[in-house]
Amino acid sequence: MSAPARRAPRGLALYATVLCLLAVVAAVVSFANGKWFGVLWVLVAGLTSNMAWYYHRRRPSSAPTESAG
């Protein structure tokens, strides 16, 4: 049995960004309908934006860095 495939941080950053955009849209729609439930969507958008930023920064660079010494 093979080991489960590990998802790349780039993919996780993309998924978190999409979720953030969907949460923002849900918040706007909720506030436009006069519901205060949009506050929760704003909190979800904040959480997912932080996740996207974390996974984007965690992604290894394609070019190795050389230290000058």
N, C-alpha and C. Protein backbone atom coordinates (compact mmCIF):
# COMPACT_ATOMS: atom_id res chain seq x y z
N MET A 1 0.85 -1.17 0.00
CA MET A 1 0.00 0.00 0.00
C MET A 1 0.90 1.23 0.00
N SER A 2 0.63 2.18 -0.86
CA SER A 2 1.48 3.36 -0.96
C SER A 2 1.04 4.41 0.06
N ALA A 3 1.98 5.29 0.39
CA ALA A 3 1.70 6.37 1.33
C ALA A 3 0.80 7.40 0.66
N PRO A 4 -0.05 8.06 1.43
CA PRO A 4 -0.92 9.07 0.83
C PRO A 4 -0.10 10.24 0.29
N ALA A 5 -0.54 10.78 -0.83
CA ALA A 5 0.17 11.89 -1.45
C ALA A 5 0.04 13.13 -0.59
N ARG A 6 1.13 13.85 -0.46
CA ARG A 6 1.11 15.09 0.31
C ARG A 6 0.78 16.24 -0.62
N ARG A 7 -0.13 17.07 -0.20
CA ARG A 7 -0.54 18.22 -1.02
C ARG A 7 0.49 19.33 -0.88
N ALA A 8 0.85 19.92 -2.01
CA ALA A 8 1.83 20.99 -2.01
C ALA A 8 1.28 22.23 -1.33
N PRO A 9 2.13 23.00 -0.64
CA PRO A 9 1.65 24.24 -0.02
C PRO A 9 1.05 25.21 -1.03
N ARG A 10 1.50 25.16 -2.28
CA ARG A 10 0.92 26.03 -3.30
C ARG A 10 -0.56 25.74 -3.49
N GLY A 11 -0.91 24.45 -3.51
CA GLY A 11 -2.30 24.08 -3.65
C GLY A 11 -3.13 24.51 -2.46
N LEU A 12 -2.57 24.36 -1.26
CA LEU A 12 -3.28 24.79 -0.06
C LEU A 12 -3.46 26.30 -0.04
N ALA A 13 -2.47 27.03 -0.51
CA ALA A 13 -2.59 28.49 -0.57
C ALA A 13 -3.68 28.88 -1.55
N LEU A 14 -3.78 28.18 -2.65
CA LEU A 14 -4.82 28.47 -3.64
C LEU A 14 -6.20 28.17 -3.07
N TYR A 15 -6.36 27.03 -2.41
CA TYR A 15 -7.64 26.67 -1.81
C TYR A 15 -8.05 27.68 -0.73
N ALA A 16 -7.08 28.10 0.10
CA ALA A 16 -7.39 29.07 1.14
C ALA A 16 -7.78 30.42 0.55
N THR A 17 -7.15 30.81 -0.56
CA THR A 17 -7.50 32.06 -1.22
C THR A 17 -8.91 31.99 -1.79
N VAL A 18 -9.26 30.87 -2.40
CA VAL A 18 -10.61 30.70 -2.94
C VAL A 18 -11.64 30.75 -1.81
N LEU A 19 -11.35 30.07 -0.71
CA LEU A 19 -12.27 30.10 0.43
C LEU A 19 -12.41 31.52 1.00
N CYS A 20 -11.32 32.26 1.01
CA CYS A 20 -11.37 33.64 1.49
C CYS A 20 -12.28 34.48 0.60
N LEU A 21 -12.14 34.34 -0.71
CA LEU A 21 -12.98 35.10 -1.63
C LEU A 21 -14.45 34.73 -1.48
N LEU A 22 -14.73 33.43 -1.32
CA LEU A 22 -16.11 33.00 -1.12
C LEU A 22 -16.68 33.53 0.19
N ALA A 23 -15.86 33.58 1.23
CA ALA A 23 -16.33 34.11 2.51
C ALA A 23 -16.62 35.60 2.41
N VAL A 24 -15.80 36.33 1.66
CA VAL A 24 -16.05 37.76 1.47
C VAL A 24 -17.35 37.98 0.71
N VAL A 25 -17.58 37.19 -0.33
CA VAL A 25 -18.83 37.29 -1.09
C VAL A 25 -20.02 36.97 -0.19
N ALA A 26 -19.89 35.93 0.62
CA ALA A 26 -20.98 35.56 1.53
C ALA A 26 -21.25 36.68 2.54
N ALA A 27 -20.20 37.33 3.01
CA ALA A 27 -20.38 38.43 3.96
C ALA A 27 -21.09 39.60 3.30
N VAL A 28 -20.70 39.94 2.08
CA VAL A 28 -21.33 41.05 1.38
C VAL A 28 -22.81 40.75 1.14
N VAL A 29 -23.11 39.54 0.70
CA VAL A 29 -24.51 39.16 0.45
C VAL A 29 -25.30 39.19 1.75
N SER A 30 -24.70 38.71 2.82
CA SER A 30 -25.39 38.68 4.11
C SER A 30 -25.68 40.10 4.60
N PHE A 31 -24.70 40.98 4.52
CA PHE A 31 -24.91 42.36 4.96
C PHE A 31 -25.90 43.08 4.05
N ALA A 32 -25.87 42.78 2.75
CA ALA A 32 -26.81 43.41 1.81
C ALA A 32 -28.24 42.99 2.11
N ASN A 33 -28.43 41.79 2.63
CA ASN A 33 -29.76 41.32 3.01
C ASN A 33 -30.16 41.78 4.41
N GLY A 34 -29.29 42.55 5.07
CA GLY A 34 -29.62 43.07 6.39
C GLY A 34 -29.41 42.09 7.52
N LYS A 35 -28.64 41.05 7.29
CA LYS A 35 -28.38 40.04 8.33
C LYS A 35 -27.03 40.33 8.99
N TRP A 36 -26.99 40.20 10.30
CA TRP A 36 -25.75 40.38 11.03
C TRP A 36 -24.89 39.12 11.04
N PHE A 37 -25.38 38.08 10.40
CA PHE A 37 -24.62 36.83 10.30
C PHE A 37 -23.34 37.03 9.48
N GLY A 38 -23.29 38.11 8.72
CA GLY A 38 -22.11 38.42 7.92
C GLY A 38 -20.86 38.63 8.75
N VAL A 39 -21.03 38.97 10.03
CA VAL A 39 -19.88 39.14 10.92
C VAL A 39 -19.09 37.84 11.00
N LEU A 40 -19.78 36.73 11.07
CA LEU A 40 -19.08 35.43 11.11
C LEU A 40 -18.33 35.17 9.82
N TRP A 41 -18.92 35.57 8.69
CA TRP A 41 -18.24 35.39 7.41
C TRP A 41 -16.98 36.25 7.32
N VAL A 42 -17.03 37.43 7.92
CA VAL A 42 -15.84 38.28 7.94
C VAL A 42 -14.73 37.61 8.76
N LEU A 43 -15.10 36.99 9.88
CA LEU A 43 -14.11 36.27 10.68
C LEU A 43 -13.52 35.09 9.91
N VAL A 44 -14.37 34.37 9.19
CA VAL A 44 -13.88 33.25 8.37
C VAL A 44 -12.95 33.77 7.27
N ALA A 45 -13.29 34.91 6.68
CA ALA A 45 -12.44 35.49 5.64
C ALA A 45 -11.07 35.86 6.22
N GLY A 46 -11.06 36.40 7.42
CA GLY A 46 -9.79 36.74 8.06
C GLY A 46 -8.95 35.52 8.34
N LEU A 47 -9.57 34.46 8.82
CA LEU A 47 -8.85 33.23 9.10
C LEU A 47 -8.27 32.63 7.82
N THR A 48 -9.08 32.55 6.78
CA THR A 48 -8.59 31.94 5.54
C THR A 48 -7.55 32.80 4.84
N SER A 49 -7.63 34.13 5.00
CA SER A 49 -6.59 34.97 4.40
C SER A 49 -5.26 34.75 5.11
N ASN A 50 -5.29 34.56 6.42
CA ASN A 50 -4.07 34.26 7.15
C ASN A 50 -3.51 32.89 6.74
N MET A 51 -4.40 31.93 6.52
CA MET A 51 -3.94 30.62 6.06
C MET A 51 -3.30 30.71 4.69
N ALA A 52 -3.91 31.48 3.80
CA ALA A 52 -3.36 31.64 2.45
C ALA A 52 -1.98 32.29 2.51
N TRP A 53 -1.86 33.31 3.33
CA TRP A 53 -0.57 33.99 3.47
C TRP A 53 0.48 33.04 4.03
N TYR A 54 0.12 32.25 5.03
CA TYR A 54 1.06 31.31 5.64
C TYR A 54 1.54 30.28 4.62
N TYR A 55 0.61 29.68 3.90
CA TYR A 55 1.01 28.66 2.94
C TYR A 55 1.75 29.25 1.74
N HIS A 56 1.44 30.47 1.38
CA HIS A 56 2.18 31.12 0.30
C HIS A 56 3.62 31.38 0.72
N ARG A 57 3.82 31.84 1.95
CA ARG A 57 5.17 32.12 2.44
C ARG A 57 5.94 30.84 2.74
N ARG A 58 5.23 29.76 3.04
CA ARG A 58 5.87 28.49 3.39
C ARG A 58 6.40 27.77 2.16
N ARG A 59 5.88 28.12 0.99
CA ARG A 59 6.26 27.45 -0.25
C ARG A 59 7.76 27.61 -0.48
N PRO A 60 8.47 26.54 -0.76
CA PRO A 60 9.91 26.66 -0.99
C PRO A 60 10.17 27.38 -2.31
N SER A 61 11.23 28.17 -2.31
CA SER A 61 11.58 28.90 -3.53
C SER A 61 12.16 27.93 -4.54
N SER A 62 11.98 28.25 -5.82
CA SER A 62 12.45 27.35 -6.87
C SER A 62 13.95 27.43 -7.05
N ALA A 63 14.54 28.59 -6.79
CA ALA A 63 15.98 28.75 -6.95
C ALA A 63 16.65 28.69 -5.58
N PRO A 64 17.69 27.86 -5.46
CA PRO A 64 18.39 27.80 -4.17
C PRO A 64 19.16 29.10 -3.92
N THR A 65 19.17 29.53 -2.68
CA THR A 65 19.89 30.75 -2.35
C THR A 65 21.29 30.41 -1.91
N GLU A 66 22.23 31.23 -2.31
CA GLU A 66 23.62 31.04 -1.92
C GLU A 66 24.01 32.14 -0.96
N SER A 67 24.62 31.77 0.13
CA SER A 67 25.04 32.76 1.09
C SER A 67 26.42 33.28 0.70
N ALA A 68 26.55 34.59 0.69
CA ALA A 68 27.84 35.19 0.37
C ALA A 68 28.73 35.08 1.59
N GLY A 69 29.91 34.58 1.40
CA GLY A 69 30.72 34.39 2.58
C GLY A 69 32.14 34.41 2.38
